[in-house]
Amino acid sequence: MAAISPMEIALEEARAAEVRGEVPIGAVIVDGSNGSVVARAGNETRAQNDPTAHAEILAIRRAAEALGAERLSGCDLYVTLEPCTMCAAAISFARLRRLYYGADDPKGGGVAHGARFFAQPTCHHRPEVYGGIHEAAAAALLRDFFAAKR
């Protein structure tokens, strides 16, 4: 049996978030040296009544707690949607090594779109960025979620 990829785990987290009535976005942080999962999360903004409870932020908090460190320099983040500017800043501050994301977010993204946080001269740490990982599945989750809301 083939091992499940980190992005597939992020998609599981996104589906679980949708079941809870949250926007279906999931995130996973893995140890870059061995690929083990350090933390995982889905959006919890509604459950926590917290606009900062994005999947990425929650995964970063959980990884920092699990590792007992504020910097996650040996870790990689997988998230189903291009991070917003707030999450891009948190990724930079956490010193994550690599960012892998699924679907582009032309409206709210802060990495390849919008503020392009990592390209700013005030950005102190720029992770390697790889987009389009399981893009079709990630985009379909969001498209179907919002279509059902209309």
C-alpha atoms as a PDB file:
ATOM      1  CA  MET A   1       0.000   0.000   0.000  1.00  0.00           C
ATOM      2  CA  ALA A   2       1.402   3.379  -1.025  1.00  0.00           C
ATOM      3  CA  ALA A   3       1.999   5.989   1.637  1.00  0.00           C
ATOM      4  CA  ILE A   4      -0.341   8.956   1.641  1.00  0.00           C
ATOM      5  CA  SER A   5       1.313  12.200   0.545  1.00  0.00           C
ATOM      6  CA  PRO A   6       1.344  15.301   2.743  1.00  0.00           C
ATOM      7  CA  MET A   7      -0.941  17.112   0.283  1.00  0.00           C
ATOM      8  CA  GLU A   8      -3.434  14.250   0.469  1.00  0.00           C
ATOM      9  CA  ILE A   9      -3.412  14.659   4.256  1.00  0.00           C
ATOM     10  CA  ALA A  10      -4.013  18.403   3.776  1.00  0.00           C
ATOM     11  CA  LEU A  11      -6.968  17.552   1.515  1.00  0.00           C
ATOM     12  CA  GLU A  12      -8.334  15.267   4.273  1.00  0.00           C
ATOM     13  CA  GLU A  13      -8.070  18.183   6.698  1.00  0.00           C
ATOM     14  CA  ALA A  14      -9.888  20.424   4.203  1.00  0.00           C
ATOM     15  CA  ARG A  15     -12.721  17.893   3.848  1.00  0.00           C
ATOM     16  CA  ALA A  16     -13.002  17.627   7.636  1.00  0.00           C
ATOM     17  CA  ALA A  17     -13.184  21.439   7.863  1.00  0.00           C
ATOM     18  CA  GLU A  18     -16.016  21.435   5.326  1.00  0.00           C
ATOM     19  CA  VAL A  19     -17.960  18.893   7.390  1.00  0.00           C
ATOM     20  CA  ARG A  20     -17.637  21.317  10.343  1.00  0.00           C
ATOM     21  CA  GLY A  21     -19.052  24.139   8.195  1.00  0.00           C
ATOM     22  CA  GLU A  22     -15.671  25.807   7.692  1.00  0.00           C
ATOM     23  CA  VAL A  23     -14.172  26.918   4.386  1.00  0.00           C
ATOM     24  CA  PRO A  24     -12.431  23.715   3.217  1.00  0.00           C
ATOM     25  CA  ILE A  25      -8.753  24.512   3.554  1.00  0.00           C
ATOM     26  CA  GLY A  26      -6.283  22.109   5.125  1.00  0.00           C
ATOM     27  CA  ALA A  27      -2.625  22.316   6.078  1.00  0.00           C
ATOM     28  CA  VAL A  28       0.095  19.887   7.131  1.00  0.00           C
ATOM     29  CA  ILE A  29       3.605  20.542   8.423  1.00  0.00           C
ATOM     30  CA  VAL A  30       6.186  17.825   7.898  1.00  0.00           C
ATOM     31  CA  ASP A  31       9.733  17.390   9.111  1.00  0.00           C
ATOM     32  CA  GLY A  32      11.844  18.051   6.029  1.00  0.00           C
ATOM     33  CA  SER A  33      14.509  15.554   7.060  1.00  0.00           C
ATOM     34  CA  ASN A  34      12.279  12.479   7.268  1.00  0.00           C
ATOM     35  CA  GLY A  35       8.823  13.468   5.986  1.00  0.00           C
ATOM     36  CA  SER A  36       7.036  12.714   9.249  1.00  0.00           C
ATOM     37  CA  VAL A  37       3.912  14.731  10.023  1.00  0.00           C
ATOM     38  CA  VAL A  38       4.549  17.248  12.794  1.00  0.00           C
ATOM     39  CA  ALA A  39       1.141  18.973  12.762  1.00  0.00           C
ATOM     40  CA  ARG A  40      -2.051  19.173  10.763  1.00  0.00           C
ATOM     41  CA  ALA A  41      -5.097  21.421  10.772  1.00  0.00           C
ATOM     42  CA  GLY A  42      -8.115  22.623   8.883  1.00  0.00           C
ATOM     43  CA  ASN A  43      -9.745  26.023   9.066  1.00  0.00           C
ATOM     44  CA  GLU A  44     -11.386  26.746  12.431  1.00  0.00           C
ATOM     45  CA  THR A  45     -12.348  30.416  12.106  1.00  0.00           C
ATOM     46  CA  ARG A  46     -16.019  29.754  12.837  1.00  0.00           C
ATOM     47  CA  ALA A  47     -15.456  27.169  15.573  1.00  0.00           C
ATOM     48  CA  GLN A  48     -13.038  29.445  17.425  1.00  0.00           C
ATOM     49  CA  ASN A  49     -14.700  32.754  16.492  1.00  0.00           C
ATOM     50  CA  ASP A  50     -11.222  33.774  15.441  1.00  0.00           C
ATOM     51  CA  PRO A  51     -10.449  35.335  12.064  1.00  0.00           C
ATOM     52  CA  THR A  52      -6.809  34.243  12.430  1.00  0.00           C
ATOM     53  CA  ALA A  53      -7.659  30.532  12.844  1.00  0.00           C
ATOM     54  CA  HIS A  54      -6.661  29.698   9.271  1.00  0.00           C
ATOM     55  CA  ALA A  55      -5.390  26.165   8.661  1.00  0.00           C
ATOM     56  CA  GLU A  56      -1.823  27.421   8.137  1.00  0.00           C
ATOM     57  CA  ILE A  57      -1.744  29.431  11.370  1.00  0.00           C
ATOM     58  CA  LEU A  58      -3.154  26.536  13.390  1.00  0.00           C
ATOM     59  CA  ALA A  59      -0.680  24.072  11.871  1.00  0.00           C
ATOM     60  CA  ILE A  60       2.217  26.447  12.619  1.00  0.00           C
ATOM     61  CA  ARG A  61       1.065  26.872  16.232  1.00  0.00           C
ATOM     62  CA  ARG A  62       0.696  23.121  16.695  1.00  0.00           C
ATOM     63  CA  ALA A  63       4.069  22.367  15.091  1.00  0.00           C
ATOM     64  CA  ALA A  64       5.853  24.974  17.218  1.00  0.00           C
ATOM     65  CA  GLU A  65       4.270  23.495  20.333  1.00  0.00           C
ATOM     66  CA  ALA A  66       5.094  19.914  19.314  1.00  0.00           C
ATOM     67  CA  LEU A  67       8.710  20.789  18.563  1.00  0.00           C
ATOM     68  CA  GLY A  68       9.146  23.231  21.430  1.00  0.00           C
ATOM     69  CA  ALA A  69      10.507  25.871  19.061  1.00  0.00           C
ATOM     70  CA  GLU A  70       9.289  29.112  17.552  1.00  0.00           C
ATOM     71  CA  ARG A  71      11.248  28.508  14.354  1.00  0.00           C
ATOM     72  CA  LEU A  72      10.396  25.619  12.089  1.00  0.00           C
ATOM     73  CA  SER A  73      13.389  25.954   9.769  1.00  0.00           C
ATOM     74  CA  GLY A  74      13.641  22.243   8.997  1.00  0.00           C
ATOM     75  CA  CYS A  75       9.946  21.888   8.205  1.00  0.00           C
ATOM     76  CA  ASP A  76       7.775  22.114   5.113  1.00  0.00           C
ATOM     77  CA  LEU A  77       4.164  23.306   4.895  1.00  0.00           C
ATOM     78  CA  TYR A  78       1.575  21.791   2.570  1.00  0.00           C
ATOM     79  CA  VAL A  79      -1.680  23.725   2.210  1.00  0.00           C
ATOM     80  CA  THR A  80      -4.591  23.269  -0.161  1.00  0.00           C
ATOM     81  CA  LEU A  81      -4.924  26.950  -1.145  1.00  0.00           C
ATOM     82  CA  GLU A  82      -2.377  29.677  -1.823  1.00  0.00           C
ATOM     83  CA  PRO A  83      -1.857  31.368   1.563  1.00  0.00           C
ATOM     84  CA  CYS A  84      -3.234  34.834   2.225  1.00  0.00           C
ATOM     85  CA  THR A  85      -0.865  37.631   3.213  1.00  0.00           C
ATOM     86  CA  MET A  86      -1.420  37.017   6.954  1.00  0.00           C
ATOM     87  CA  CYS A  87      -0.487  33.358   6.563  1.00  0.00           C
ATOM     88  CA  ALA A  88       2.456  34.175   4.287  1.00  0.00           C
ATOM     89  CA  ALA A  89       3.813  36.454   7.020  1.00  0.00           C
ATOM     90  CA  ALA A  90       3.401  33.690   9.614  1.00  0.00           C
ATOM     91  CA  ILE A  91       5.184  31.243   7.283  1.00  0.00           C
ATOM     92  CA  SER A  92       8.059  33.696   6.983  1.00  0.00           C
ATOM     93  CA  PHE A  93       8.225  34.378  10.736  1.00  0.00           C
ATOM     94  CA  ALA A  94       8.193  30.619  11.445  1.00  0.00           C
ATOM     95  CA  ARG A  95      11.119  30.235   9.018  1.00  0.00           C
ATOM     96  CA  LEU A  96       9.482  27.302   7.248  1.00  0.00           C
ATOM     97  CA  ARG A  97      11.828  25.772   4.700  1.00  0.00           C
ATOM     98  CA  ARG A  98       9.361  25.097   1.889  1.00  0.00           C
ATOM     99  CA  LEU A  99       5.762  25.942   1.036  1.00  0.00           C
ATOM    100  CA  TYR A 100       3.729  23.648  -1.188  1.00  0.00           C
ATOM    101  CA  TYR A 101       0.202  24.739  -2.063  1.00  0.00           C
ATOM    102  CA  GLY A 102      -2.649  23.415  -4.174  1.00  0.00           C
ATOM    103  CA  ALA A 103      -4.942  25.941  -5.825  1.00  0.00           C
ATOM    104  CA  ASP A 104      -4.039  29.517  -6.715  1.00  0.00           C
ATOM    105  CA  ASP A 105      -6.088  32.253  -5.044  1.00  0.00           C
ATOM    106  CA  PRO A 106      -6.160  35.258  -7.407  1.00  0.00           C
ATOM    107  CA  LYS A 107      -8.620  37.088  -5.127  1.00  0.00           C
ATOM    108  CA  GLY A 108      -7.129  36.526  -1.664  1.00  0.00           C
ATOM    109  CA  GLY A 109      -3.710  34.996  -2.146  1.00  0.00           C
ATOM    110  CA  GLY A 110      -0.615  36.698  -0.809  1.00  0.00           C
ATOM    111  CA  VAL A 111       2.135  34.580  -2.368  1.00  0.00           C
ATOM    112  CA  ALA A 112       1.711  34.439  -6.165  1.00  0.00           C
ATOM    113  CA  HIS A 113      -1.059  37.060  -6.172  1.00  0.00           C
ATOM    114  CA  GLY A 114      -1.986  40.185  -4.250  1.00  0.00           C
ATOM    115  CA  ALA A 115       0.720  41.455  -1.901  1.00  0.00           C
ATOM    116  CA  ARG A 116       3.231  38.766  -2.942  1.00  0.00           C
ATOM    117  CA  PHE A 117       4.605  38.887   0.580  1.00  0.00           C
ATOM    118  CA  PHE A 118       7.775  36.880  -0.053  1.00  0.00           C
ATOM    119  CA  ALA A 119       8.825  39.287  -2.827  1.00  0.00           C
ATOM    120  CA  GLN A 120       8.709  42.327  -0.522  1.00  0.00           C
ATOM    121  CA  PRO A 121      12.028  43.847   0.591  1.00  0.00           C
ATOM    122  CA  THR A 122      10.766  43.812   4.189  1.00  0.00           C
ATOM    123  CA  CYS A 123      10.345  40.017   4.145  1.00  0.00           C
ATOM    124  CA  HIS A 124      13.126  38.513   6.276  1.00  0.00           C
ATOM    125  CA  HIS A 125      12.713  34.866   5.250  1.00  0.00           C
ATOM    126  CA  ARG A 126      11.542  33.458   1.932  1.00  0.00           C
ATOM    127  CA  PRO A 127      10.703  29.768   1.768  1.00  0.00           C
ATOM    128  CA  GLU A 128      11.016  27.822  -1.445  1.00  0.00           C
ATOM    129  CA  VAL A 129       7.519  27.914  -2.988  1.00  0.00           C
ATOM    130  CA  TYR A 130       5.864  25.276  -5.138  1.00  0.00           C
ATOM    131  CA  GLY A 131       2.286  25.772  -6.330  1.00  0.00           C
ATOM    132  CA  GLY A 132      -0.185  23.589  -8.183  1.00  0.00           C
ATOM    133  CA  ILE A 133       0.189  20.458  -6.022  1.00  0.00           C
ATOM    134  CA  HIS A 134      -3.103  18.479  -6.362  1.00  0.00           C
ATOM    135  CA  GLU A 135      -4.494  21.743  -7.713  1.00  0.00           C
ATOM    136  CA  ALA A 136      -7.607  20.269  -9.366  1.00  0.00           C
ATOM    137  CA  ALA A 137      -8.748  18.474  -6.211  1.00  0.00           C
ATOM    138  CA  ALA A 138      -8.111  21.499  -3.994  1.00  0.00           C
ATOM    139  CA  ALA A 139      -9.894  23.877  -6.378  1.00  0.00           C
ATOM    140  CA  ALA A 140     -12.868  21.517  -6.744  1.00  0.00           C
ATOM    141  CA  LEU A 141     -13.347  21.365  -2.963  1.00  0.00           C
ATOM    142  CA  LEU A 142     -13.571  25.145  -2.757  1.00  0.00           C
ATOM    143  CA  ARG A 143     -15.663  25.563  -5.897  1.00  0.00           C
ATOM    144  CA  ASP A 144     -18.203  22.968  -4.727  1.00  0.00           C
ATOM    145  CA  PHE A 145     -18.318  24.412  -1.204  1.00  0.00           C
ATOM    146  CA  PHE A 146     -19.105  27.935  -2.412  1.00  0.00           C
ATOM    147  CA  ALA A 147     -21.531  26.718  -5.112  1.00  0.00           C
ATOM    148  CA  ALA A 148     -23.529  24.951  -2.390  1.00  0.00           C
ATOM    149  CA  LYS A 149     -23.673  28.238  -0.417  1.00  0.00           C
ATOM    150  CA  ARG A 150     -25.294  30.111  -3.312  1.00  0.00           C
END
